[in-house]
Amino acid sequence: MVLKKISDRIYYLPSEQETDRPVLGYVKGDKYSLAVDAGNSEKHVKKFYCAIEEAGLKLPDYTAITHWHWDHTFGMHVVAGKTIAGSLTNLKLDEVEKWKWVDEDMARRLQSGDDIETCDRCIRLEYYDRNEIKVVKADIEFHGQIILDLGGVHCELREIEATHSSDSVLVYVPEEKIVFIGDADCADYYNNNGKYDKKKLVKLITLLEEIDFDTYVLGHDEPQNKDEVIAYLREELSKLG
C-alpha cells in the first residue's frame, strides 16, 4: 500500500477494514513533519513508515493523536519522534495502560461497557499474540489548543466537543485548508449505543461551518470536501427529529 497525495505537503495512508486500521495522515513541513494518529499496532506503523520512505519523505517528528480508541493509539510506543495528545486522551490512556488482554479481562470489559464487541473482535484479529499490546501515554500533553510551526505550514490541534468521543482532537492545517477529523464526526459506540447526540452534533456542524477548509480527511474513509461533509452531517441531524 502506498501513500496517497492530497497536496505537496499532505499525504495519507488509506484505512483497512479487516482489522479496523484507520487512515494515517502526514503533513510535510520545511523543517518538521507530523503524522496524524499512531495506528493500531507496530505492524501498522511499520507499513505506514515503509510507505513514507517509498514516497521519499522523512519519518515524522511528531505524531498527533485524535482520540484514545485502540485503533488510533496502540502503535504509539513505536512511532518516531514525539507523540502529542489532548489532556483527556492522556487521562484515558493512563487507564487503558493498566488493562490486561487475557480472555477473562476482555470479556469483563465487554460486560461492563468499558470496551465494545467490534473493538474486541478486531484486536483479536490484529494481535495474534496479545502480549504484544503495549499502551503508552503521549509525550506531549496539551489542553485546549496547540499550534505547531513545521516550517512553511502550521498544524492547529484543537480539543473539541464531538459526537464520537469526549476527548476528540481536530487537526487543522490552515495553509492547505485541510482538516483531519479522526472519527470525531461519527456516532458514539461506547456511551450512546452507536447513535448521535443531537446537541453535540449541532455543535460539531457549527464548528465545521466556521472553519475555512476545502478537504476533510476522515478516520476510516476517503477524504471529502466541505460541502459533502456538512450535507451528510445535516442529513444525520434531520434523522434525530
Protein backbone atom coordinates (compact mmCIF):
# COMPACT_ATOMS: atom_id res chain seq x y z
CA MET A 1 0.00 0.00 0.00
CA VAL A 2 1.34 3.43 -0.96
CA LEU A 3 0.70 6.90 0.42
CA LYS A 4 -1.98 8.91 -1.33
CA LYS A 5 -1.10 12.52 -2.09
CA ILE A 6 -3.55 15.34 -1.45
CA SER A 7 -1.05 18.17 -2.00
CA ASP A 8 2.71 18.70 -1.97
CA ARG A 9 2.51 18.83 1.82
CA ILE A 10 -0.34 16.47 2.69
CA TYR A 11 -0.46 12.68 2.33
CA TYR A 12 -2.32 9.78 3.91
CA LEU A 13 -2.24 6.01 4.18
CA PRO A 14 -5.74 4.62 3.47
CA SER A 15 -7.71 2.68 6.08
CA GLU A 16 -8.00 -1.11 6.15
CA GLN A 17 -11.35 -2.56 7.10
CA GLU A 18 -10.39 -6.09 8.20
CA THR A 19 -8.76 -5.08 11.49
CA ASP A 20 -10.17 -1.54 11.59
CA ARG A 21 -6.91 0.20 10.75
CA PRO A 22 -7.66 3.93 10.40
CA VAL A 23 -6.34 6.48 7.95
CA LEU A 24 -2.91 7.76 8.97
CA GLY A 25 -2.11 11.31 7.88
CA TYR A 26 1.18 13.03 7.09
CA VAL A 27 1.95 16.75 6.97
CA LYS A 28 5.27 17.79 5.42
CA GLY A 29 6.86 20.97 6.73
CA ASP A 30 10.11 22.56 5.63
CA LYS A 31 11.71 21.74 9.00
CA TYR A 32 9.49 19.15 10.66
CA SER A 33 6.81 16.64 9.71
CA LEU A 34 3.74 15.49 11.60
CA ALA A 35 1.73 12.29 11.44
CA VAL A 36 -1.94 12.15 12.37
CA ASP A 37 -2.67 9.12 14.54
CA ALA A 38 -0.41 6.24 15.52
CA GLY A 39 -2.27 3.27 14.11
CA ASN A 40 -3.45 0.11 15.83
CA SER A 41 -0.20 -1.87 16.10
CA GLU A 42 3.51 -1.96 15.46
CA LYS A 43 2.78 -3.71 12.16
CA HIS A 44 0.52 -0.85 11.12
CA VAL A 45 3.18 1.74 11.98
CA LYS A 46 5.84 -0.16 10.03
CA LYS A 47 3.56 -0.31 6.99
CA PHE A 48 3.00 3.45 7.25
CA TYR A 49 6.71 4.18 7.58
CA CYS A 50 7.60 1.98 4.61
CA ALA A 51 5.10 3.95 2.53
CA ILE A 52 6.56 7.24 3.80
CA GLU A 53 10.09 6.23 2.87
CA GLU A 54 9.00 4.91 -0.52
CA ALA A 55 7.48 8.34 -1.19
CA GLY A 56 10.87 9.94 -0.47
CA LEU A 57 9.68 11.56 2.75
CA LYS A 58 11.25 11.52 6.20
CA LEU A 59 9.70 9.84 9.20
CA PRO A 60 7.52 12.12 11.34
CA ASP A 61 9.00 14.28 14.04
CA TYR A 62 5.63 14.43 15.78
CA THR A 63 2.51 12.26 15.86
CA ALA A 64 -0.80 13.88 16.83
CA ILE A 65 -3.45 11.63 18.38
CA THR A 66 -7.10 12.33 17.55
CA HIS A 67 -8.65 10.28 20.40
CA TRP A 68 -7.92 7.36 22.71
CA HIS A 69 -9.54 4.44 20.83
CA TRP A 70 -7.25 1.47 20.31
CA ASP A 71 -7.04 1.67 16.53
CA HIS A 72 -5.57 5.17 16.74
CA THR A 73 -3.22 4.67 19.69
CA PHE A 74 -1.85 1.14 20.05
CA GLY A 75 1.08 1.97 17.76
CA MET A 76 2.21 4.91 19.90
CA HIS A 77 5.02 3.03 21.61
CA VAL A 78 6.93 2.53 18.34
CA VAL A 79 6.40 5.81 16.46
CA ALA A 80 9.31 8.05 15.53
CA GLY A 81 9.67 11.39 17.31
CA LYS A 82 7.28 12.70 19.95
CA THR A 83 3.58 11.94 20.39
CA ILE A 84 1.08 14.71 21.19
CA ALA A 85 -2.36 14.26 22.73
CA GLY A 86 -5.03 16.28 24.45
CA SER A 87 -5.29 16.07 28.23
CA LEU A 88 -8.46 13.95 28.14
CA THR A 89 -6.83 11.47 25.76
CA ASN A 90 -3.82 11.06 28.02
CA LEU A 91 -6.11 10.61 31.00
CA LYS A 92 -7.93 7.75 29.26
CA LEU A 93 -4.68 6.18 28.03
CA ASP A 94 -3.46 6.14 31.62
CA GLU A 95 -6.49 3.93 32.39
CA VAL A 96 -6.14 1.68 29.33
CA GLU A 97 -2.44 1.24 30.06
CA LYS A 98 -3.49 -0.84 33.07
CA TRP A 99 -5.84 -3.13 31.14
CA LYS A 100 -4.97 -6.81 30.75
CA TRP A 101 -5.52 -8.63 27.47
CA VAL A 102 -6.37 -12.16 28.57
CA ASP A 103 -9.80 -13.56 27.63
CA GLU A 104 -11.26 -13.19 31.11
CA ASP A 105 -10.44 -9.50 31.41
CA MET A 106 -11.54 -8.74 27.86
CA ALA A 107 -14.88 -10.46 28.50
CA ARG A 108 -15.33 -8.50 31.72
CA ARG A 109 -14.77 -5.19 29.90
CA LEU A 110 -17.43 -6.14 27.35
CA GLN A 111 -19.91 -6.79 30.15
CA SER A 112 -19.08 -3.52 31.91
CA GLY A 113 -19.16 -1.46 28.71
CA ASP A 114 -15.54 -0.39 29.03
CA ASP A 115 -14.99 -1.97 25.64
CA ILE A 116 -17.23 -2.93 22.72
CA GLU A 117 -17.58 -6.06 20.58
CA THR A 118 -16.25 -4.53 17.35
CA CYS A 119 -13.02 -3.44 19.01
CA ASP A 120 -12.67 -6.74 20.85
CA ARG A 121 -13.03 -8.69 17.60
CA CYS A 122 -10.60 -6.52 15.64
CA ILE A 123 -8.00 -6.55 18.42
CA ARG A 124 -8.03 -10.35 18.34
CA LEU A 125 -7.54 -10.26 14.56
CA GLU A 126 -4.75 -7.66 14.63
CA TYR A 127 -2.91 -9.32 17.51
CA TYR A 128 -2.19 -13.00 17.13
CA ASP A 129 -0.14 -12.60 20.30
CA ARG A 130 -1.92 -10.18 22.62
CA ASN A 131 1.23 -9.96 24.75
CA GLU A 132 2.45 -7.59 22.04
CA ILE A 133 -0.13 -4.98 23.05
CA LYS A 134 1.56 -2.03 24.73
CA VAL A 135 -0.34 1.11 25.64
CA VAL A 136 1.50 4.34 26.45
CA LYS A 137 0.57 7.96 27.08
CA ALA A 138 1.65 10.78 24.81
CA ASP A 139 4.99 12.53 25.34
CA ILE A 140 3.42 15.98 25.00
CA GLU A 141 0.05 16.82 26.52
CA PHE A 142 -1.97 19.94 25.79
CA HIS A 143 -5.23 21.44 26.93
CA GLY A 144 -7.49 23.38 24.59
CA GLN A 145 -5.26 24.09 21.62
CA ILE A 146 -1.66 23.87 20.48
CA ILE A 147 -0.17 25.24 17.24
CA LEU A 148 2.91 23.64 15.68
CA ASP A 149 5.08 25.52 13.19
CA LEU A 150 6.50 22.83 10.92
CA GLY A 151 8.18 25.36 8.64
CA GLY A 152 6.07 26.85 5.88
CA VAL A 153 2.97 25.21 7.26
CA HIS A 154 1.22 25.12 10.64
CA CYS A 155 -0.84 22.45 12.37
CA GLU A 156 -3.51 23.52 14.83
CA LEU A 157 -4.53 20.78 17.25
CA ARG A 158 -7.84 21.54 18.99
CA GLU A 159 -9.71 19.66 21.66
CA ILE A 160 -13.34 19.73 20.54
CA GLU A 161 -16.74 18.57 21.77
CA ALA A 162 -17.54 15.81 19.32
CA THR A 163 -20.15 13.14 18.78
CA HIS A 164 -17.79 10.15 18.81
CA SER A 165 -15.58 10.53 21.88
CA SER A 166 -15.30 13.20 24.56
CA ASP A 167 -11.52 13.51 24.09
CA SER A 168 -11.62 14.22 20.34
CA VAL A 169 -8.88 16.36 18.77
CA LEU A 170 -9.18 18.03 15.37
CA VAL A 171 -6.03 18.74 13.33
CA TYR A 172 -6.32 21.79 11.08
CA VAL A 173 -3.73 22.85 8.50
CA PRO A 174 -4.82 26.37 7.52
CA GLU A 175 -2.32 26.95 4.70
CA GLU A 176 -3.58 23.80 2.98
CA LYS A 177 -7.23 24.28 4.01
CA ILE A 178 -7.33 20.71 5.29
CA VAL A 179 -8.93 19.18 8.38
CA PHE A 180 -8.00 15.79 9.82
CA ILE A 181 -11.08 14.84 11.82
CA GLY A 182 -10.17 11.34 13.04
CA ASP A 183 -13.52 9.78 14.00
CA ALA A 184 -14.89 12.89 15.71
CA ASP A 185 -17.94 13.11 13.44
CA CYS A 186 -19.01 9.51 13.96
CA ALA A 187 -21.64 8.34 16.42
CA ASP A 188 -20.73 7.26 19.95
CA TYR A 189 -20.48 3.46 20.24
CA TYR A 190 -19.27 3.42 23.84
CA ASN A 191 -21.77 5.68 25.56
CA ASN A 192 -24.73 6.15 23.23
CA ASN A 193 -25.34 2.76 21.55
CA GLY A 194 -23.92 3.86 18.22
CA LYS A 195 -26.23 6.85 17.96
CA TYR A 196 -25.66 10.57 17.59
CA ASP A 197 -26.18 13.00 20.44
CA LYS A 198 -28.25 15.81 18.90
CA LYS A 199 -26.74 18.70 20.86
CA LYS A 200 -23.19 17.55 20.19
CA LEU A 201 -23.91 17.07 16.51
CA VAL A 202 -25.30 20.60 16.22
CA LYS A 203 -22.17 21.99 17.89
CA LEU A 204 -19.90 19.97 15.61
CA ILE A 205 -21.67 21.12 12.46
CA THR A 206 -21.45 24.75 13.64
CA LEU A 207 -17.73 24.35 14.32
CA LEU A 208 -17.03 22.83 10.93
CA GLU A 209 -19.02 25.54 9.16
CA GLU A 210 -16.83 28.17 10.83
CA ILE A 211 -13.50 26.58 9.80
CA ASP A 212 -12.06 27.59 6.43
CA PHE A 213 -11.25 24.25 4.81
CA ASP A 214 -11.70 22.54 1.46
CA THR A 215 -10.57 18.97 2.21
CA TYR A 216 -11.78 16.81 5.07
CA VAL A 217 -9.74 13.71 5.93
CA LEU A 218 -11.83 11.09 7.71
CA GLY A 219 -10.59 8.37 10.00
CA HIS A 220 -11.93 5.38 8.07
CA ASP A 221 -12.92 6.61 4.63
CA GLU A 222 -11.70 8.61 1.64
CA PRO A 223 -11.38 12.40 2.01
CA GLN A 224 -14.37 14.57 1.23
CA ASN A 225 -14.93 18.24 0.53
CA LYS A 226 -16.59 20.64 2.95
CA ASP A 227 -19.98 20.67 1.22
CA GLU A 228 -20.17 16.87 1.25
CA VAL A 229 -19.33 16.70 4.94
CA ILE A 230 -21.81 19.35 6.04
CA ALA A 231 -24.56 17.84 3.88
CA TYR A 232 -24.01 14.37 5.36
CA LEU A 233 -23.97 15.59 8.96
CA ARG A 234 -27.08 17.72 8.40
CA GLU A 235 -28.84 14.68 6.99
CA GLU A 236 -27.90 12.70 10.10
CA LEU A 237 -29.16 15.58 12.23
CA SER A 238 -32.52 15.56 10.42
CA LYS A 239 -32.99 11.90 11.35
CA LEU A 240 -32.85 12.78 15.04
CA GLY A 241 -36.08 14.78 14.87
